[in-house]
Amino acid sequence: MSKSDVNRGSYSHIFIYRIPSGNHEAMLRLEKQLTQLYRKHGTLSSEFYQLGATNVFKGFTGLDKAIGAQSDEEVWVEVDTYQNAQQFKTVVEAVGGDEKGEPLFNQLYGLISQGYSTVMGEFTRLEV
């Protein structure tokens, strides 16, 4: 693994959110605060993507349909990167003990679509 690979990390925590379109700006502001909190405790990077119009290939399913997104919702993907699984665990524990965390997470729960459980997973980068 090269030095640049170590700097970009090999472990990612990915979230898929459904967000009411009217919450777009508030979610941007909140994610900026959450990103700063996580970076303070060691997250290497956080990137956010909003699903756009998708040309779905024959035999495939669009992500919006797969998670049941409605026409008045946006679909966002968040990718947080860590050096490895141990660093991820250390950061999560540190954020959990930070007094700024709980109020931000409570705001998050109020901004995502109600009745939807955010999809999340931990991934290790593959070398192909």
N, C-alpha and C. Protein backbone atom coordinates (compact mmCIF):
# COMPACT_ATOMS: atom_id res chain seq x y z
N MET A 1 0.85 -1.18 0.00
CA MET A 1 0.00 0.00 0.00
C MET A 1 0.89 1.23 0.00
N SER A 2 0.60 2.19 -0.88
CA SER A 2 1.42 3.38 -0.99
C SER A 2 1.08 4.38 0.12
N LYS A 3 1.96 5.39 0.28
CA LYS A 3 1.72 6.41 1.29
C LYS A 3 0.40 7.15 1.04
N SER A 4 0.10 7.41 -0.23
CA SER A 4 -1.16 8.10 -0.54
C SER A 4 -2.36 7.24 -0.17
N ASP A 5 -2.25 5.92 -0.29
CA ASP A 5 -3.34 5.03 0.11
C ASP A 5 -3.56 5.10 1.62
N VAL A 6 -2.48 5.17 2.39
CA VAL A 6 -2.60 5.26 3.85
C VAL A 6 -3.28 6.57 4.21
N ASN A 7 -2.90 7.66 3.53
CA ASN A 7 -3.47 8.97 3.84
C ASN A 7 -4.96 9.04 3.51
N ARG A 8 -5.40 8.27 2.52
CA ARG A 8 -6.82 8.33 2.19
C ARG A 8 -7.62 7.25 2.92
N GLY A 9 -6.96 6.38 3.62
CA GLY A 9 -7.63 5.38 4.44
C GLY A 9 -8.12 4.19 3.64
N SER A 10 -8.31 3.10 4.34
CA SER A 10 -8.78 1.88 3.69
C SER A 10 -10.11 1.40 4.26
N TYR A 11 -10.69 2.19 5.15
CA TYR A 11 -11.91 1.78 5.84
C TYR A 11 -12.92 2.92 5.75
N SER A 12 -14.14 2.62 5.33
CA SER A 12 -15.16 3.66 5.19
C SER A 12 -16.44 3.27 5.89
N HIS A 13 -17.09 4.28 6.42
CA HIS A 13 -18.41 4.14 7.03
C HIS A 13 -19.35 4.91 6.11
N ILE A 14 -20.35 4.23 5.58
CA ILE A 14 -21.22 4.82 4.56
C ILE A 14 -22.66 4.85 5.07
N PHE A 15 -23.30 6.01 4.86
CA PHE A 15 -24.71 6.21 5.22
C PHE A 15 -25.49 6.55 3.97
N ILE A 16 -26.72 6.09 3.90
CA ILE A 16 -27.64 6.50 2.84
C ILE A 16 -28.86 7.10 3.54
N TYR A 17 -29.09 8.38 3.27
CA TYR A 17 -30.18 9.12 3.90
C TYR A 17 -31.29 9.42 2.91
N ARG A 18 -32.51 9.40 3.39
CA ARG A 18 -33.65 10.00 2.69
C ARG A 18 -33.99 11.26 3.46
N ILE A 19 -34.04 12.40 2.73
CA ILE A 19 -34.23 13.69 3.38
C ILE A 19 -35.36 14.43 2.68
N PRO A 20 -36.35 14.93 3.42
CA PRO A 20 -37.36 15.76 2.77
C PRO A 20 -36.67 16.94 2.06
N SER A 21 -37.08 17.21 0.84
CA SER A 21 -36.43 18.26 0.04
C SER A 21 -36.36 19.59 0.78
N GLY A 22 -37.35 19.89 1.58
CA GLY A 22 -37.37 21.15 2.32
C GLY A 22 -36.31 21.24 3.40
N ASN A 23 -35.67 20.13 3.74
CA ASN A 23 -34.64 20.12 4.78
C ASN A 23 -33.23 20.20 4.21
N HIS A 24 -33.10 20.44 2.92
CA HIS A 24 -31.79 20.42 2.26
C HIS A 24 -30.78 21.37 2.92
N GLU A 25 -31.13 22.64 3.05
CA GLU A 25 -30.18 23.63 3.60
C GLU A 25 -29.86 23.35 5.06
N ALA A 26 -30.86 22.99 5.83
CA ALA A 26 -30.63 22.67 7.25
C ALA A 26 -29.72 21.45 7.39
N MET A 27 -29.91 20.47 6.51
CA MET A 27 -29.07 19.27 6.56
C MET A 27 -27.63 19.61 6.18
N LEU A 28 -27.43 20.48 5.20
CA LEU A 28 -26.08 20.92 4.85
C LEU A 28 -25.39 21.56 6.05
N ARG A 29 -26.08 22.46 6.71
CA ARG A 29 -25.50 23.13 7.88
C ARG A 29 -25.16 22.13 8.99
N LEU A 30 -26.08 21.20 9.22
CA LEU A 30 -25.85 20.21 10.27
C LEU A 30 -24.68 19.30 9.92
N GLU A 31 -24.63 18.84 8.69
CA GLU A 31 -23.54 17.94 8.29
C GLU A 31 -22.18 18.64 8.39
N LYS A 32 -22.15 19.95 8.15
CA LYS A 32 -20.89 20.69 8.32
C LYS A 32 -20.44 20.61 9.78
N GLN A 33 -21.37 20.79 10.70
CA GLN A 33 -21.04 20.71 12.13
C GLN A 33 -20.61 19.29 12.53
N LEU A 34 -21.35 18.30 12.04
CA LEU A 34 -20.98 16.91 12.36
C LEU A 34 -19.63 16.54 11.78
N THR A 35 -19.35 17.00 10.57
CA THR A 35 -18.06 16.72 9.94
C THR A 35 -16.93 17.32 10.76
N GLN A 36 -17.12 18.54 11.24
CA GLN A 36 -16.09 19.18 12.07
C GLN A 36 -15.87 18.39 13.36
N LEU A 37 -16.94 17.90 13.96
CA LEU A 37 -16.83 17.10 15.18
C LEU A 37 -16.05 15.81 14.91
N TYR A 38 -16.41 15.12 13.86
CA TYR A 38 -15.72 13.86 13.54
C TYR A 38 -14.26 14.09 13.16
N ARG A 39 -13.99 15.15 12.41
CA ARG A 39 -12.60 15.46 12.03
C ARG A 39 -11.76 15.76 13.27
N LYS A 40 -12.36 16.47 14.22
CA LYS A 40 -11.68 16.80 15.48
C LYS A 40 -11.20 15.52 16.18
N HIS A 41 -11.98 14.46 16.04
CA HIS A 41 -11.65 13.21 16.72
C HIS A 41 -10.93 12.20 15.83
N GLY A 42 -10.61 12.57 14.58
CA GLY A 42 -9.74 11.72 13.78
C GLY A 42 -10.24 11.19 12.45
N THR A 43 -11.50 11.47 12.07
CA THR A 43 -11.96 11.02 10.76
C THR A 43 -11.06 11.65 9.69
N LEU A 44 -10.61 10.85 8.73
CA LEU A 44 -9.72 11.36 7.69
C LEU A 44 -10.44 12.27 6.71
N SER A 45 -11.63 11.86 6.28
CA SER A 45 -12.40 12.67 5.34
C SER A 45 -13.87 12.29 5.41
N SER A 46 -14.70 13.25 5.00
CA SER A 46 -16.14 13.02 4.88
C SER A 46 -16.57 13.64 3.56
N GLU A 47 -17.29 12.85 2.78
CA GLU A 47 -17.79 13.32 1.50
C GLU A 47 -19.28 13.05 1.44
N PHE A 48 -20.00 13.96 0.77
CA PHE A 48 -21.44 13.86 0.66
C PHE A 48 -21.84 13.95 -0.81
N TYR A 49 -22.82 13.14 -1.18
CA TYR A 49 -23.31 13.09 -2.55
C TYR A 49 -24.82 13.10 -2.53
N GLN A 50 -25.41 13.82 -3.48
CA GLN A 50 -26.86 13.83 -3.64
C GLN A 50 -27.20 13.09 -4.93
N LEU A 51 -28.12 12.14 -4.83
CA LEU A 51 -28.53 11.36 -5.99
C LEU A 51 -29.19 12.25 -7.02
N GLY A 52 -28.76 12.13 -8.25
CA GLY A 52 -29.38 12.87 -9.34
C GLY A 52 -30.20 11.93 -10.20
N ALA A 53 -30.68 12.47 -11.31
CA ALA A 53 -31.42 11.64 -12.27
C ALA A 53 -30.50 10.49 -12.69
N THR A 54 -31.02 9.28 -12.66
CA THR A 54 -30.20 8.11 -12.92
C THR A 54 -30.77 7.30 -14.07
N ASN A 55 -29.92 7.02 -15.04
CA ASN A 55 -30.28 6.14 -16.15
C ASN A 55 -30.04 4.71 -15.67
N VAL A 56 -31.10 4.04 -15.28
CA VAL A 56 -30.98 2.70 -14.71
C VAL A 56 -30.93 1.68 -15.85
N PHE A 57 -29.89 0.87 -15.84
CA PHE A 57 -29.69 -0.15 -16.87
C PHE A 57 -30.69 -1.29 -16.72
N LYS A 58 -30.98 -1.93 -17.82
CA LYS A 58 -31.88 -3.08 -17.82
C LYS A 58 -31.35 -4.13 -16.85
N GLY A 59 -32.25 -4.62 -16.03
CA GLY A 59 -31.88 -5.65 -15.06
C GLY A 59 -31.37 -5.08 -13.74
N PHE A 60 -31.27 -3.75 -13.63
CA PHE A 60 -30.81 -3.10 -12.40
C PHE A 60 -31.98 -2.35 -11.77
N THR A 61 -31.79 -1.94 -10.52
CA THR A 61 -32.77 -1.13 -9.79
C THR A 61 -32.10 0.15 -9.35
N GLY A 62 -32.77 1.27 -9.53
CA GLY A 62 -32.24 2.55 -9.07
C GLY A 62 -32.18 2.59 -7.56
N LEU A 63 -31.18 3.29 -7.04
CA LEU A 63 -31.01 3.40 -5.59
C LEU A 63 -32.24 4.03 -4.93
N ASP A 64 -32.82 5.02 -5.58
CA ASP A 64 -34.01 5.66 -5.01
C ASP A 64 -35.14 4.66 -4.81
N LYS A 65 -35.33 3.81 -5.77
CA LYS A 65 -36.39 2.78 -5.66
C LYS A 65 -36.01 1.73 -4.61
N ALA A 66 -34.74 1.36 -4.57
CA ALA A 66 -34.29 0.31 -3.64
C ALA A 66 -34.52 0.71 -2.19
N ILE A 67 -34.42 2.01 -1.89
CA ILE A 67 -34.62 2.44 -0.50
C ILE A 67 -35.99 3.08 -0.29
N GLY A 68 -36.82 3.07 -1.33
CA GLY A 68 -38.19 3.56 -1.20
C GLY A 68 -38.34 5.06 -1.13
N ALA A 69 -37.41 5.81 -1.73
CA ALA A 69 -37.48 7.27 -1.70
C ALA A 69 -38.73 7.77 -2.43
N GLN A 70 -39.33 8.80 -1.87
CA GLN A 70 -40.52 9.42 -2.46
C GLN A 70 -40.10 10.60 -3.33
N SER A 71 -41.02 11.09 -4.16
CA SER A 71 -40.70 12.18 -5.09
C SER A 71 -40.35 13.48 -4.39
N ASP A 72 -40.78 13.66 -3.14
CA ASP A 72 -40.47 14.89 -2.39
C ASP A 72 -39.27 14.73 -1.46
N GLU A 73 -38.46 13.67 -1.71
CA GLU A 73 -37.28 13.41 -0.89
C GLU A 73 -36.02 13.43 -1.74
N GLU A 74 -34.92 13.80 -1.10
CA GLU A 74 -33.60 13.70 -1.70
C GLU A 74 -32.92 12.47 -1.11
N VAL A 75 -32.05 11.87 -1.89
CA VAL A 75 -31.25 10.75 -1.41
C VAL A 75 -29.80 11.24 -1.32
N TRP A 76 -29.22 11.12 -0.15
CA TRP A 76 -27.83 11.53 0.07
C TRP A 76 -27.02 10.30 0.49
N VAL A 77 -25.77 10.31 0.07
CA VAL A 77 -24.82 9.29 0.52
C VAL A 77 -23.68 10.03 1.21
N GLU A 78 -23.32 9.56 2.39
CA GLU A 78 -22.19 10.10 3.15
C GLU A 78 -21.13 9.02 3.23
N VAL A 79 -19.90 9.38 2.92
CA VAL A 79 -18.78 8.44 2.99
C VAL A 79 -17.72 9.04 3.92
N ASP A 80 -17.54 8.43 5.08
CA ASP A 80 -16.53 8.85 6.05
C ASP A 80 -15.38 7.84 5.99
N THR A 81 -14.16 8.35 5.94
CA THR A 81 -13.01 7.48 5.73
C THR A 81 -12.08 7.49 6.94
N TYR A 82 -11.55 6.30 7.23
CA TYR A 82 -10.66 6.07 8.37
C TYR A 82 -9.47 5.24 7.90
N GLN A 83 -8.41 5.25 8.68
CA GLN A 83 -7.24 4.44 8.32
C GLN A 83 -7.58 2.96 8.33
N ASN A 84 -8.34 2.54 9.34
CA ASN A 84 -8.68 1.12 9.50
C ASN A 84 -9.84 1.00 10.48
N ALA A 85 -10.27 -0.23 10.73
CA ALA A 85 -11.42 -0.46 11.61
C ALA A 85 -11.15 0.01 13.04
N GLN A 86 -9.93 -0.16 13.52
CA GLN A 86 -9.61 0.26 14.88
C GLN A 86 -9.70 1.78 15.02
N GLN A 87 -9.21 2.51 14.04
CA GLN A 87 -9.30 3.97 14.10
C GLN A 87 -10.77 4.40 14.08
N PHE A 88 -11.58 3.74 13.26
CA PHE A 88 -13.01 4.03 13.22
C PHE A 88 -13.62 3.87 14.61
N LYS A 89 -13.33 2.75 15.25
CA LYS A 89 -13.87 2.46 16.59
C LYS A 89 -13.43 3.54 17.58
N THR A 90 -12.18 3.95 17.52
CA THR A 90 -11.65 4.97 18.42
C THR A 90 -12.37 6.30 18.21
N VAL A 91 -12.57 6.68 16.96
CA VAL A 91 -13.27 7.94 16.66
C VAL A 91 -14.71 7.89 17.15
N VAL A 92 -15.41 6.81 16.90
CA VAL A 92 -16.81 6.69 17.32
C VAL A 92 -16.92 6.80 18.85
N GLU A 93 -16.01 6.17 19.56
CA GLU A 93 -16.02 6.26 21.03
C GLU A 93 -15.76 7.69 21.48
N ALA A 94 -14.82 8.38 20.84
CA ALA A 94 -14.50 9.76 21.20
C ALA A 94 -15.68 10.69 20.91
N VAL A 95 -16.32 10.52 19.77
CA VAL A 95 -17.48 11.35 19.43
C VAL A 95 -18.62 11.08 20.41
N GLY A 96 -18.80 9.82 20.77
CA GLY A 96 -19.85 9.46 21.72
C GLY A 96 -19.65 10.10 23.09
N GLY A 97 -18.40 10.39 23.45
CA GLY A 97 -18.11 11.03 24.72
C GLY A 97 -18.03 12.54 24.65
N ASP A 98 -18.20 13.11 23.45
CA ASP A 98 -18.12 14.56 23.27
C ASP A 98 -19.49 15.17 23.52
N GLU A 99 -19.55 16.15 24.39
CA GLU A 99 -20.83 16.76 24.75
C GLU A 99 -21.53 17.44 23.57
N LYS A 100 -20.81 17.76 22.52
CA LYS A 100 -21.42 18.40 21.35
C LYS A 100 -22.18 17.40 20.48
N GLY A 101 -21.89 16.12 20.65
CA GLY A 101 -22.46 15.10 19.78
C GLY A 101 -23.96 14.91 19.90
N GLU A 102 -24.45 14.68 21.09
CA GLU A 102 -25.86 14.33 21.27
C GLU A 102 -26.82 15.36 20.70
N PRO A 103 -26.63 16.67 20.95
CA PRO A 103 -27.56 17.64 20.35
C PRO A 103 -27.53 17.62 18.82
N LEU A 104 -26.35 17.38 18.24
CA LEU A 104 -26.27 17.31 16.78
C LEU A 104 -26.98 16.08 16.24
N PHE A 105 -26.82 14.95 16.90
CA PHE A 105 -27.50 13.73 16.46
C PHE A 105 -29.01 13.88 16.60
N ASN A 106 -29.47 14.54 17.64
CA ASN A 106 -30.90 14.78 17.80
C ASN A 106 -31.44 15.64 16.66
N GLN A 107 -30.66 16.63 16.23
CA GLN A 107 -31.06 17.44 15.07
C GLN A 107 -31.15 16.57 13.82
N LEU A 108 -30.17 15.69 13.66
CA LEU A 108 -30.14 14.80 12.49
C LEU A 108 -31.42 13.98 12.42
N TYR A 109 -31.81 13.39 13.55
CA TYR A 109 -33.01 12.55 13.57
C TYR A 109 -34.25 13.35 13.17
N GLY A 110 -34.24 14.65 13.44
CA GLY A 110 -35.38 15.49 13.07
C GLY A 110 -35.37 15.92 11.61
N LEU A 111 -34.23 15.80 10.93
CA LEU A 111 -34.13 16.26 9.55
C LEU A 111 -34.30 15.15 8.51
N ILE A 112 -33.99 13.92 8.88
CA ILE A 112 -34.15 12.83 7.93
C ILE A 112 -35.62 12.45 7.84
N SER A 113 -36.00 11.75 6.80
CA SER A 113 -37.39 11.36 6.62
C SER A 113 -37.86 10.49 7.77
N GLN A 114 -39.01 10.83 8.32
CA GLN A 114 -39.56 10.09 9.45
C GLN A 114 -40.08 8.73 8.97
N GLY A 115 -39.91 7.73 9.80
CA GLY A 115 -40.37 6.39 9.45
C GLY A 115 -39.39 5.63 8.58
N TYR A 116 -38.24 6.24 8.33
CA TYR A 116 -37.20 5.61 7.50
C TYR A 116 -35.99 5.36 8.36
N SER A 117 -35.45 4.18 8.29
CA SER A 117 -34.24 3.85 9.02
C SER A 117 -33.05 4.05 8.09
N THR A 118 -32.17 4.98 8.44
CA THR A 118 -31.00 5.27 7.61
C THR A 118 -30.19 4.00 7.38
N VAL A 119 -29.80 3.78 6.14
CA VAL A 119 -28.98 2.62 5.78
C VAL A 119 -27.53 2.97 6.06
N MET A 120 -26.80 2.05 6.68
CA MET A 120 -25.40 2.31 6.97
C MET A 120 -24.61 1.01 6.93
N GLY A 121 -23.31 1.15 6.70
CA GLY A 121 -22.46 -0.02 6.69
C GLY A 121 -21.00 0.38 6.76
N GLU A 122 -20.18 -0.58 7.16
CA GLU A 122 -18.73 -0.38 7.25
C GLU A 122 -18.09 -1.18 6.13
N PHE A 123 -17.19 -0.53 5.39
CA PHE A 123 -16.59 -1.14 4.20
C PHE A 123 -15.07 -1.06 4.26
N THR A 124 -14.44 -2.11 3.76
CA THR A 124 -12.99 -2.13 3.58
C THR A 124 -12.71 -2.03 2.10
N ARG A 125 -11.78 -1.13 1.75
CA ARG A 125 -11.47 -0.91 0.34
C ARG A 125 -10.84 -2.17 -0.25
N LEU A 126 -11.25 -2.50 -1.46
CA LEU A 126 -10.72 -3.64 -2.19
C LEU A 126 -9.66 -3.17 -3.18
N GLU A 127 -8.66 -3.95 -3.38
CA GLU A 127 -7.64 -3.66 -4.40
C GLU A 127 -8.01 -4.46 -5.64
N VAL A 128 -8.36 -3.78 -6.72
CA VAL A 128 -8.70 -4.47 -7.96
C VAL A 128 -7.82 -3.98 -9.09
